N, C-alpha and C. Protein backbone atom coordinates (compact mmCIF):
# COMPACT_ATOMS: atom_id res chain seq x y z
N MET A 1 0.83 -1.20 0.00
CA MET A 1 0.00 0.00 0.00
C MET A 1 0.87 1.25 0.00
N SER A 2 0.38 2.23 -0.67
CA SER A 2 1.14 3.48 -0.67
C SER A 2 0.79 4.30 0.57
N ASP A 3 1.61 5.27 0.85
CA ASP A 3 1.45 6.09 2.06
C ASP A 3 0.13 6.86 2.10
N TRP A 4 -0.43 7.22 0.96
CA TRP A 4 -1.66 8.00 0.95
C TRP A 4 -2.83 7.23 1.53
N ILE A 5 -2.82 5.91 1.45
CA ILE A 5 -3.88 5.08 2.06
C ILE A 5 -3.85 5.26 3.58
N TYR A 6 -2.66 5.29 4.16
CA TYR A 6 -2.55 5.49 5.61
C TYR A 6 -3.05 6.88 6.02
N VAL A 7 -2.80 7.86 5.20
CA VAL A 7 -3.28 9.20 5.47
C VAL A 7 -4.81 9.22 5.44
N ILE A 8 -5.40 8.61 4.44
CA ILE A 8 -6.87 8.56 4.33
C ILE A 8 -7.47 7.80 5.50
N ILE A 9 -6.88 6.69 5.87
CA ILE A 9 -7.37 5.91 7.02
C ILE A 9 -7.25 6.74 8.30
N GLY A 10 -6.15 7.45 8.47
CA GLY A 10 -5.96 8.30 9.65
C GLY A 10 -6.98 9.40 9.73
N ILE A 11 -7.25 10.04 8.60
CA ILE A 11 -8.25 11.11 8.56
C ILE A 11 -9.63 10.54 8.89
N ALA A 12 -9.97 9.39 8.29
CA ALA A 12 -11.27 8.77 8.54
C ALA A 12 -11.43 8.40 10.01
N LEU A 13 -10.39 7.85 10.62
CA LEU A 13 -10.45 7.50 12.05
C LEU A 13 -10.59 8.76 12.91
N GLY A 14 -9.88 9.82 12.55
CA GLY A 14 -9.99 11.07 13.30
C GLY A 14 -11.38 11.67 13.23
N VAL A 15 -11.95 11.71 12.03
CA VAL A 15 -13.30 12.25 11.86
C VAL A 15 -14.30 11.39 12.62
N THR A 16 -14.16 10.09 12.53
CA THR A 16 -15.06 9.17 13.25
C THR A 16 -14.94 9.38 14.75
N GLY A 17 -13.73 9.56 15.24
CA GLY A 17 -13.51 9.79 16.68
C GLY A 17 -14.16 11.07 17.15
N VAL A 18 -14.00 12.14 16.40
CA VAL A 18 -14.61 13.42 16.76
C VAL A 18 -16.13 13.29 16.75
N TRP A 19 -16.68 12.63 15.73
CA TRP A 19 -18.12 12.44 15.65
C TRP A 19 -18.63 11.64 16.85
N CYS A 20 -17.92 10.58 17.22
CA CYS A 20 -18.33 9.76 18.38
C CYS A 20 -18.30 10.58 19.67
N LEU A 21 -17.25 11.35 19.88
CA LEU A 21 -17.17 12.19 21.08
C LEU A 21 -18.33 13.17 21.14
N ARG A 22 -18.62 13.80 20.01
CA ARG A 22 -19.70 14.79 19.97
C ARG A 22 -21.06 14.13 20.17
N ARG A 23 -21.23 12.95 19.63
CA ARG A 23 -22.52 12.26 19.67
C ARG A 23 -22.82 11.68 21.05
N TRP A 24 -21.82 11.13 21.71
CA TRP A 24 -22.07 10.38 22.94
C TRP A 24 -21.47 10.97 24.20
N MET A 25 -20.72 12.04 24.07
CA MET A 25 -20.08 12.64 25.24
C MET A 25 -20.18 14.16 25.14
N GLY A 26 -20.16 14.82 26.28
CA GLY A 26 -20.07 16.27 26.30
C GLY A 26 -21.40 16.98 26.17
N PHE A 27 -21.30 18.27 25.97
CA PHE A 27 -22.44 19.18 25.95
C PHE A 27 -23.53 18.74 24.96
N ALA A 28 -23.14 18.45 23.74
CA ALA A 28 -24.12 18.14 22.69
C ALA A 28 -24.84 16.81 22.93
N ALA A 29 -24.29 15.96 23.76
CA ALA A 29 -24.89 14.65 23.99
C ALA A 29 -25.95 14.65 25.10
N GLN A 30 -26.12 15.76 25.80
CA GLN A 30 -27.13 15.82 26.87
C GLN A 30 -28.53 15.62 26.30
N LYS A 31 -29.38 15.01 27.11
CA LYS A 31 -30.77 14.84 26.75
C LYS A 31 -31.62 15.24 27.96
N PRO A 32 -32.82 15.77 27.73
CA PRO A 32 -33.68 16.12 28.86
C PRO A 32 -33.90 14.94 29.83
N GLU A 33 -33.98 13.74 29.30
CA GLU A 33 -34.21 12.56 30.15
C GLU A 33 -33.08 12.37 31.17
N ASP A 34 -31.91 12.89 30.89
CA ASP A 34 -30.78 12.77 31.82
C ASP A 34 -31.08 13.45 33.15
N TYR A 35 -32.04 14.38 33.16
CA TYR A 35 -32.30 15.20 34.34
C TYR A 35 -33.70 15.02 34.92
N GLU A 36 -34.51 14.14 34.36
CA GLU A 36 -35.93 14.08 34.75
C GLU A 36 -36.17 13.72 36.21
N ASP A 37 -35.25 13.01 36.86
CA ASP A 37 -35.46 12.63 38.26
C ASP A 37 -34.73 13.55 39.25
N ALA A 38 -34.09 14.59 38.75
CA ALA A 38 -33.32 15.48 39.61
C ALA A 38 -34.21 16.63 40.11
N ALA A 39 -33.77 17.31 41.15
CA ALA A 39 -34.52 18.43 41.74
C ALA A 39 -33.54 19.58 41.95
N PRO A 40 -34.00 20.79 42.14
CA PRO A 40 -35.39 21.25 42.20
C PRO A 40 -35.99 21.36 40.80
N ALA A 41 -37.32 21.32 40.70
CA ALA A 41 -38.00 21.44 39.42
C ALA A 41 -37.89 22.87 38.89
N PHE A 42 -37.58 23.00 37.62
CA PHE A 42 -37.43 24.29 36.95
C PHE A 42 -38.72 24.56 36.17
N ASP A 43 -39.45 25.59 36.56
CA ASP A 43 -40.64 26.03 35.84
C ASP A 43 -40.36 27.45 35.38
N VAL A 44 -40.25 27.64 34.07
CA VAL A 44 -39.88 28.96 33.55
C VAL A 44 -40.89 30.04 33.97
N ARG A 45 -42.14 29.64 34.16
CA ARG A 45 -43.16 30.62 34.56
C ARG A 45 -42.91 31.15 35.97
N GLN A 46 -42.23 30.37 36.78
CA GLN A 46 -41.90 30.79 38.14
C GLN A 46 -40.49 31.37 38.23
N HIS A 47 -39.52 30.69 37.64
CA HIS A 47 -38.12 31.07 37.81
C HIS A 47 -37.62 32.13 36.83
N LEU A 48 -38.34 32.32 35.74
CA LEU A 48 -38.02 33.42 34.82
C LEU A 48 -39.20 34.37 34.82
N ASP A 49 -39.39 35.05 35.95
CA ASP A 49 -40.51 35.97 36.12
C ASP A 49 -40.02 37.19 36.90
N GLY A 50 -40.50 38.36 36.49
CA GLY A 50 -40.11 39.58 37.16
C GLY A 50 -38.77 40.09 36.68
N PRO A 51 -38.15 41.01 37.44
CA PRO A 51 -36.83 41.55 37.05
C PRO A 51 -35.72 40.55 37.36
N ILE A 52 -34.84 40.34 36.38
CA ILE A 52 -33.78 39.34 36.48
C ILE A 52 -32.46 40.00 36.08
N LEU A 53 -31.41 39.70 36.83
CA LEU A 53 -30.05 40.15 36.50
C LEU A 53 -29.31 38.98 35.87
N CYS A 54 -28.67 39.24 34.74
CA CYS A 54 -27.90 38.22 34.03
C CYS A 54 -26.49 38.76 33.83
N GLU A 55 -25.49 37.90 34.11
CA GLU A 55 -24.09 38.26 33.92
C GLU A 55 -23.40 37.11 33.23
N GLY A 56 -22.58 37.41 32.21
CA GLY A 56 -21.96 36.31 31.51
C GLY A 56 -20.79 36.68 30.64
N VAL A 57 -20.28 35.65 29.99
CA VAL A 57 -19.17 35.78 29.06
C VAL A 57 -19.49 34.99 27.79
N ILE A 58 -18.91 35.44 26.69
CA ILE A 58 -19.02 34.73 25.42
C ILE A 58 -17.61 34.33 25.01
N TYR A 59 -17.47 33.05 24.70
CA TYR A 59 -16.19 32.51 24.25
C TYR A 59 -16.22 32.39 22.74
N GLY A 60 -15.11 32.72 22.10
CA GLY A 60 -14.98 32.56 20.66
C GLY A 60 -14.68 31.12 20.30
N PRO A 61 -14.44 30.85 19.02
CA PRO A 61 -14.24 29.48 18.55
C PRO A 61 -13.01 28.78 19.12
N PHE A 62 -12.06 29.53 19.63
CA PHE A 62 -10.84 28.91 20.17
C PHE A 62 -10.81 28.88 21.69
N GLY A 63 -11.97 29.16 22.32
CA GLY A 63 -12.09 29.02 23.76
C GLY A 63 -11.68 30.23 24.57
N ARG A 64 -11.35 31.32 23.92
CA ARG A 64 -10.97 32.53 24.65
C ARG A 64 -12.17 33.46 24.76
N VAL A 65 -12.23 34.19 25.86
CA VAL A 65 -13.34 35.13 26.06
C VAL A 65 -13.26 36.21 24.99
N SER A 66 -14.37 36.36 24.27
CA SER A 66 -14.42 37.39 23.23
C SER A 66 -15.29 38.57 23.66
N SER A 67 -16.15 38.35 24.68
CA SER A 67 -17.01 39.43 25.14
C SER A 67 -17.54 39.10 26.53
N ARG A 68 -17.79 40.16 27.30
CA ARG A 68 -18.43 40.02 28.62
C ARG A 68 -19.65 40.91 28.62
N PHE A 69 -20.65 40.55 29.43
CA PHE A 69 -21.87 41.36 29.43
C PHE A 69 -22.59 41.29 30.77
N VAL A 70 -23.42 42.29 30.97
CA VAL A 70 -24.40 42.33 32.05
C VAL A 70 -25.72 42.62 31.37
N ALA A 71 -26.78 41.95 31.80
CA ALA A 71 -28.08 42.16 31.16
C ALA A 71 -29.17 42.29 32.20
N ASP A 72 -30.15 43.10 31.87
CA ASP A 72 -31.35 43.24 32.68
C ASP A 72 -32.49 42.61 31.90
N PHE A 73 -33.20 41.70 32.53
CA PHE A 73 -34.36 41.05 31.92
C PHE A 73 -35.60 41.47 32.71
N GLU A 74 -36.72 41.53 32.01
CA GLU A 74 -38.01 41.75 32.66
C GLU A 74 -38.96 40.74 32.03
N ALA A 75 -39.39 39.77 32.83
CA ALA A 75 -40.27 38.71 32.34
C ALA A 75 -41.63 38.79 33.01
N SER A 76 -42.66 38.49 32.24
CA SER A 76 -44.02 38.45 32.81
C SER A 76 -44.81 37.34 32.11
N TRP A 77 -45.74 36.79 32.86
CA TRP A 77 -46.52 35.64 32.39
C TRP A 77 -48.01 35.87 32.57
N SER A 78 -48.79 35.35 31.65
CA SER A 78 -50.24 35.27 31.76
C SER A 78 -50.59 33.82 31.43
N GLY A 79 -50.74 33.02 32.48
CA GLY A 79 -50.96 31.59 32.25
C GLY A 79 -49.73 30.95 31.67
N ASN A 80 -49.88 30.31 30.52
CA ASN A 80 -48.76 29.62 29.88
C ASN A 80 -48.05 30.46 28.83
N SER A 81 -48.44 31.72 28.69
CA SER A 81 -47.81 32.61 27.70
C SER A 81 -47.04 33.70 28.44
N GLY A 82 -45.84 33.96 27.96
CA GLY A 82 -45.04 34.99 28.61
C GLY A 82 -44.16 35.74 27.64
N SER A 83 -43.60 36.82 28.13
CA SER A 83 -42.62 37.57 27.36
C SER A 83 -41.46 37.92 28.28
N MET A 84 -40.29 38.00 27.69
CA MET A 84 -39.10 38.38 28.46
C MET A 84 -38.31 39.38 27.63
N LYS A 85 -38.24 40.60 28.14
CA LYS A 85 -37.45 41.65 27.50
C LYS A 85 -36.05 41.60 28.07
N GLU A 86 -35.07 41.63 27.17
CA GLU A 86 -33.66 41.55 27.58
C GLU A 86 -32.92 42.78 27.07
N ARG A 87 -32.07 43.34 27.92
CA ARG A 87 -31.18 44.44 27.50
C ARG A 87 -29.77 44.06 27.94
N PHE A 88 -28.92 43.78 26.94
CA PHE A 88 -27.53 43.40 27.18
C PHE A 88 -26.64 44.62 27.03
N THR A 89 -25.73 44.81 27.98
CA THR A 89 -24.70 45.82 27.88
C THR A 89 -23.36 45.09 27.85
N TYR A 90 -22.66 45.21 26.74
CA TYR A 90 -21.40 44.48 26.53
C TYR A 90 -20.21 45.31 26.99
N ASP A 91 -19.08 44.63 27.18
CA ASP A 91 -17.87 45.28 27.67
C ASP A 91 -17.33 46.35 26.72
N ASP A 92 -17.73 46.33 25.46
CA ASP A 92 -17.29 47.38 24.53
C ASP A 92 -18.24 48.57 24.51
N GLY A 93 -19.28 48.54 25.39
CA GLY A 93 -20.23 49.64 25.48
C GLY A 93 -21.46 49.47 24.61
N SER A 94 -21.47 48.49 23.73
CA SER A 94 -22.63 48.30 22.87
C SER A 94 -23.80 47.71 23.66
N ILE A 95 -25.00 47.98 23.16
CA ILE A 95 -26.22 47.54 23.82
C ILE A 95 -27.05 46.75 22.81
N GLN A 96 -27.64 45.66 23.26
CA GLN A 96 -28.50 44.84 22.42
C GLN A 96 -29.80 44.56 23.16
N ASP A 97 -30.92 44.75 22.47
CA ASP A 97 -32.23 44.46 23.04
C ASP A 97 -32.86 43.28 22.32
N ARG A 98 -33.59 42.47 23.06
CA ARG A 98 -34.32 41.34 22.49
C ARG A 98 -35.57 41.15 23.33
N GLU A 99 -36.65 40.72 22.68
CA GLU A 99 -37.84 40.34 23.43
C GLU A 99 -38.28 38.95 22.98
N TRP A 100 -38.30 38.05 23.94
CA TRP A 100 -38.77 36.68 23.70
C TRP A 100 -40.27 36.60 23.95
N HIS A 101 -40.94 35.80 23.15
CA HIS A 101 -42.34 35.44 23.39
C HIS A 101 -42.35 33.93 23.59
N LEU A 102 -42.80 33.50 24.76
CA LEU A 102 -42.70 32.10 25.17
C LEU A 102 -44.07 31.50 25.42
N THR A 103 -44.21 30.24 25.06
CA THR A 103 -45.42 29.49 25.36
C THR A 103 -44.99 28.15 25.94
N VAL A 104 -45.57 27.80 27.10
CA VAL A 104 -45.27 26.54 27.76
C VAL A 104 -46.48 25.62 27.62
N GLY A 105 -46.23 24.42 27.10
CA GLY A 105 -47.30 23.43 26.97
C GLY A 105 -47.53 22.69 28.28
N ASP A 106 -48.67 22.05 28.40
CA ASP A 106 -48.98 21.29 29.62
C ASP A 106 -48.00 20.14 29.85
N ASP A 107 -47.33 19.70 28.79
CA ASP A 107 -46.34 18.62 28.90
C ASP A 107 -44.93 19.13 29.19
N GLY A 108 -44.78 20.46 29.42
CA GLY A 108 -43.47 21.04 29.69
C GLY A 108 -42.75 21.53 28.45
N SER A 109 -43.34 21.32 27.28
CA SER A 109 -42.71 21.79 26.05
C SER A 109 -42.71 23.32 26.03
N ILE A 110 -41.75 23.88 25.31
CA ILE A 110 -41.61 25.33 25.21
C ILE A 110 -41.47 25.71 23.75
N ARG A 111 -42.19 26.76 23.36
CA ARG A 111 -42.06 27.37 22.04
C ARG A 111 -41.61 28.81 22.28
N ALA A 112 -40.69 29.29 21.44
CA ALA A 112 -40.13 30.62 21.67
C ALA A 112 -39.87 31.33 20.35
N THR A 113 -40.18 32.62 20.33
CA THR A 113 -39.87 33.45 19.17
C THR A 113 -39.24 34.75 19.66
N ALA A 114 -38.46 35.36 18.80
CA ALA A 114 -37.86 36.68 19.02
C ALA A 114 -37.51 37.24 17.65
N ASP A 115 -37.32 38.54 17.56
CA ASP A 115 -37.05 39.16 16.26
C ASP A 115 -35.81 38.62 15.57
N ASP A 116 -34.78 38.26 16.34
CA ASP A 116 -33.55 37.75 15.72
C ASP A 116 -33.49 36.22 15.69
N VAL A 117 -34.60 35.56 16.01
CA VAL A 117 -34.69 34.11 15.91
C VAL A 117 -35.39 33.76 14.60
N VAL A 118 -34.77 32.90 13.81
CA VAL A 118 -35.33 32.49 12.54
C VAL A 118 -36.35 31.38 12.81
N GLY A 119 -37.60 31.62 12.47
CA GLY A 119 -38.64 30.64 12.74
C GLY A 119 -38.99 30.62 14.21
N GLU A 120 -39.18 29.42 14.74
CA GLU A 120 -39.59 29.25 16.13
C GLU A 120 -38.62 28.32 16.84
N GLY A 121 -38.22 28.71 18.05
CA GLY A 121 -37.40 27.84 18.87
C GLY A 121 -38.29 26.85 19.60
N SER A 122 -37.70 25.71 19.95
CA SER A 122 -38.47 24.71 20.68
C SER A 122 -37.59 24.08 21.74
N GLY A 123 -38.25 23.59 22.78
CA GLY A 123 -37.51 22.95 23.85
C GLY A 123 -38.45 22.37 24.88
N CYS A 124 -37.89 22.15 26.07
CA CYS A 124 -38.70 21.59 27.15
C CYS A 124 -38.04 21.87 28.49
N GLN A 125 -38.85 21.78 29.53
CA GLN A 125 -38.33 21.86 30.89
C GLN A 125 -38.47 20.46 31.49
N THR A 126 -37.36 19.99 32.08
CA THR A 126 -37.31 18.65 32.65
C THR A 126 -36.48 18.71 33.92
N GLY A 127 -37.06 18.31 35.06
CA GLY A 127 -36.32 18.37 36.32
C GLY A 127 -35.80 19.78 36.53
N PRO A 128 -34.52 19.94 36.87
CA PRO A 128 -33.96 21.26 37.12
C PRO A 128 -33.39 21.94 35.87
N THR A 129 -33.80 21.47 34.68
CA THR A 129 -33.21 22.01 33.45
C THR A 129 -34.27 22.51 32.47
N VAL A 130 -33.80 23.40 31.61
CA VAL A 130 -34.58 23.84 30.46
C VAL A 130 -33.65 23.75 29.25
N LEU A 131 -34.15 23.13 28.20
CA LEU A 131 -33.44 23.04 26.92
C LEU A 131 -34.21 23.85 25.90
N LEU A 132 -33.51 24.67 25.14
CA LEU A 132 -34.13 25.43 24.06
C LEU A 132 -33.20 25.40 22.86
N LYS A 133 -33.73 25.04 21.70
CA LYS A 133 -32.96 25.02 20.45
C LYS A 133 -33.61 25.98 19.47
N TYR A 134 -32.76 26.78 18.79
CA TYR A 134 -33.27 27.75 17.84
C TYR A 134 -32.15 28.21 16.91
N LYS A 135 -32.53 28.90 15.86
CA LYS A 135 -31.58 29.50 14.93
C LYS A 135 -31.61 31.01 15.18
N ILE A 136 -30.44 31.57 15.43
CA ILE A 136 -30.36 33.00 15.72
C ILE A 136 -29.60 33.70 14.60
N ARG A 137 -30.11 34.87 14.23
CA ARG A 137 -29.44 35.69 13.21
C ARG A 137 -28.61 36.74 13.93
N LEU A 138 -27.31 36.74 13.69
CA LEU A 138 -26.43 37.73 14.30
C LEU A 138 -26.70 39.11 13.69
N PRO A 139 -26.40 40.17 14.44
CA PRO A 139 -26.54 41.52 13.88
C PRO A 139 -25.63 41.68 12.65
N GLU A 140 -26.00 42.56 11.75
CA GLU A 140 -25.21 42.80 10.54
C GLU A 140 -23.77 43.18 10.89
N ALA A 141 -23.58 43.91 11.99
CA ALA A 141 -22.23 44.31 12.40
C ALA A 141 -21.36 43.10 12.73
N SER A 142 -22.01 41.97 13.05
CA SER A 142 -21.29 40.73 13.35
C SER A 142 -21.37 39.74 12.19
N GLY A 143 -21.77 40.21 11.02
CA GLY A 143 -21.78 39.37 9.84
C GLY A 143 -23.15 38.90 9.40
N GLY A 144 -24.17 39.02 10.26
CA GLY A 144 -25.52 38.61 9.88
C GLY A 144 -25.71 37.11 9.71
N HIS A 145 -24.74 36.32 10.17
CA HIS A 145 -24.81 34.86 10.02
C HIS A 145 -25.97 34.28 10.82
N ILE A 146 -26.50 33.16 10.36
CA ILE A 146 -27.51 32.42 11.11
C ILE A 146 -26.81 31.24 11.76
N LEU A 147 -26.94 31.15 13.09
CA LEU A 147 -26.27 30.11 13.86
C LEU A 147 -27.28 29.18 14.51
N ASP A 148 -26.96 27.89 14.54
CA ASP A 148 -27.76 26.93 15.29
C ASP A 148 -27.38 27.05 16.75
N THR A 149 -28.37 27.23 17.61
CA THR A 149 -28.13 27.48 19.02
C THR A 149 -28.76 26.39 19.87
N VAL A 150 -27.98 25.91 20.84
CA VAL A 150 -28.49 24.99 21.85
C VAL A 150 -28.27 25.67 23.19
N ASP A 151 -29.36 25.93 23.89
CA ASP A 151 -29.37 26.62 25.19
C ASP A 151 -29.75 25.61 26.27
N TRP A 152 -28.91 25.43 27.25
CA TRP A 152 -29.27 24.64 28.44
C TRP A 152 -29.22 25.58 29.64
N MET A 153 -30.29 25.58 30.42
CA MET A 153 -30.34 26.33 31.66
C MET A 153 -30.51 25.33 32.80
N TYR A 154 -29.74 25.53 33.87
CA TYR A 154 -29.74 24.62 35.01
C TYR A 154 -30.10 25.41 36.26
N LEU A 155 -31.16 25.01 36.95
CA LEU A 155 -31.57 25.66 38.18
C LEU A 155 -30.75 25.10 39.33
N THR A 156 -30.06 25.98 40.06
CA THR A 156 -29.26 25.54 41.20
C THR A 156 -30.15 25.51 42.45
N PRO A 157 -29.72 24.82 43.50
CA PRO A 157 -30.55 24.73 44.71
C PRO A 157 -30.91 26.08 45.34
N ASN A 158 -30.08 27.11 45.15
CA ASN A 158 -30.41 28.42 45.74
C ASN A 158 -31.25 29.30 44.82
N GLY A 159 -31.65 28.79 43.66
CA GLY A 159 -32.51 29.53 42.75
C GLY A 159 -31.79 30.26 41.62
N THR A 160 -30.46 30.29 41.66
CA THR A 160 -29.71 30.89 40.55
C THR A 160 -29.81 29.96 39.34
N ILE A 161 -29.89 30.53 38.17
CA ILE A 161 -29.93 29.75 36.94
C ILE A 161 -28.58 29.90 36.24
N MET A 162 -27.98 28.77 35.93
CA MET A 162 -26.75 28.74 35.15
C MET A 162 -27.14 28.45 33.71
N ASN A 163 -26.69 29.29 32.79
CA ASN A 163 -27.02 29.15 31.37
C ASN A 163 -25.75 28.84 30.59
N ARG A 164 -25.82 27.80 29.77
CA ARG A 164 -24.71 27.49 28.86
C ARG A 164 -25.31 27.29 27.47
N SER A 165 -24.80 28.04 26.52
CA SER A 165 -25.30 27.97 25.15
C SER A 165 -24.12 27.75 24.21
N GLN A 166 -24.36 26.95 23.19
CA GLN A 166 -23.37 26.78 22.13
C GLN A 166 -23.99 27.20 20.81
N PHE A 167 -23.17 27.86 19.99
CA PHE A 167 -23.60 28.38 18.71
C PHE A 167 -22.76 27.70 17.63
N ARG A 168 -23.43 27.14 16.64
CA ARG A 168 -22.73 26.39 15.59
C ARG A 168 -23.12 26.89 14.21
N LYS A 169 -22.15 26.80 13.31
CA LYS A 169 -22.36 27.09 11.90
C LYS A 169 -21.83 25.89 11.12
N PHE A 170 -22.68 25.28 10.32
CA PHE A 170 -22.33 24.06 9.58
C PHE A 170 -21.82 22.96 10.52
N GLY A 171 -22.38 22.91 11.73
CA GLY A 171 -22.01 21.88 12.70
C GLY A 171 -20.75 22.17 13.49
N VAL A 172 -20.07 23.26 13.19
CA VAL A 172 -18.82 23.62 13.87
C VAL A 172 -19.13 24.68 14.93
N LYS A 173 -18.67 24.43 16.17
CA LYS A 173 -18.89 25.41 17.25
C LYS A 173 -18.10 26.68 16.96
N VAL A 174 -18.83 27.81 16.93
CA VAL A 174 -18.18 29.09 16.67
C VAL A 174 -18.20 30.01 17.89
N ALA A 175 -19.04 29.69 18.88
CA ALA A 175 -19.09 30.50 20.09
C ALA A 175 -19.80 29.72 21.19
N GLU A 176 -19.55 30.14 22.42
CA GLU A 176 -20.22 29.56 23.58
C GLU A 176 -20.48 30.67 24.58
N LEU A 177 -21.63 30.60 25.23
CA LEU A 177 -22.01 31.59 26.22
C LEU A 177 -22.20 30.88 27.55
N VAL A 178 -21.70 31.47 28.61
CA VAL A 178 -21.94 30.99 29.98
C VAL A 178 -22.40 32.19 30.78
N ALA A 179 -23.54 32.02 31.48
CA ALA A 179 -24.11 33.15 32.21
C ALA A 179 -24.87 32.67 33.44
N THR A 180 -25.05 33.59 34.37
CA THR A 180 -25.92 33.35 35.51
C THR A 180 -27.13 34.25 35.39
N MET A 181 -28.24 33.78 35.92
CA MET A 181 -29.46 34.58 35.97
C MET A 181 -30.05 34.41 37.37
N ARG A 182 -30.45 35.53 37.96
CA ARG A 182 -31.08 35.46 39.27
C ARG A 182 -32.00 36.66 39.45
N PRO A 183 -32.99 36.52 40.33
CA PRO A 183 -33.89 37.66 40.53
C PRO A 183 -33.08 38.90 40.94
N LYS A 184 -33.43 40.04 40.38
CA LYS A 184 -32.74 41.28 40.74
C LYS A 184 -32.91 41.54 42.23
N GLY A 185 -31.84 41.92 42.88
CA GLY A 185 -31.87 42.19 44.31
C GLY A 185 -31.49 40.97 45.15
N ALA A 186 -31.47 39.78 44.54
CA ALA A 186 -31.06 38.58 45.28
C ALA A 186 -29.54 38.58 45.43
N GLN A 187 -29.07 38.11 46.54
CA GLN A 187 -27.63 38.07 46.78
C GLN A 187 -27.05 36.75 46.39
């Protein structure tokens, strides 16, 4: 056999290994069922209600912090329908506003829309977690790209919500967000 066969076999094994890791291990491999028996129960209508303080960082594709932010959220609910207004202030002084419109089904399913979300996001609340998947359109100043987003929120025992989101383009992770959310005024 010539040397190029070994190169092709090596590349195929590497790609297969990366695919297996992504499929069965790590962030992307989580499923709502993994958390169904855990506590405390996360109900977005209760835990994402009223004024909320959010603080976080955004990591670029190579794992380095590319941006930091503080955000003020104001969420309100009428039965299973709610809205959450978000105002992000980034470390470079820029400000971004978003308003989510959320609907929670009796089975815990979640539907979500926002102006920069393409179509409708979907997810569910299970045990102490909320999963939301959607396509987000970046601002034109950031290229206007549409990214596949996976949002996991984890309710901690003291009521703080830990949020971890990954953003992908063509299946490749291009950014990650880690943030905390808690009622404004809570210590």
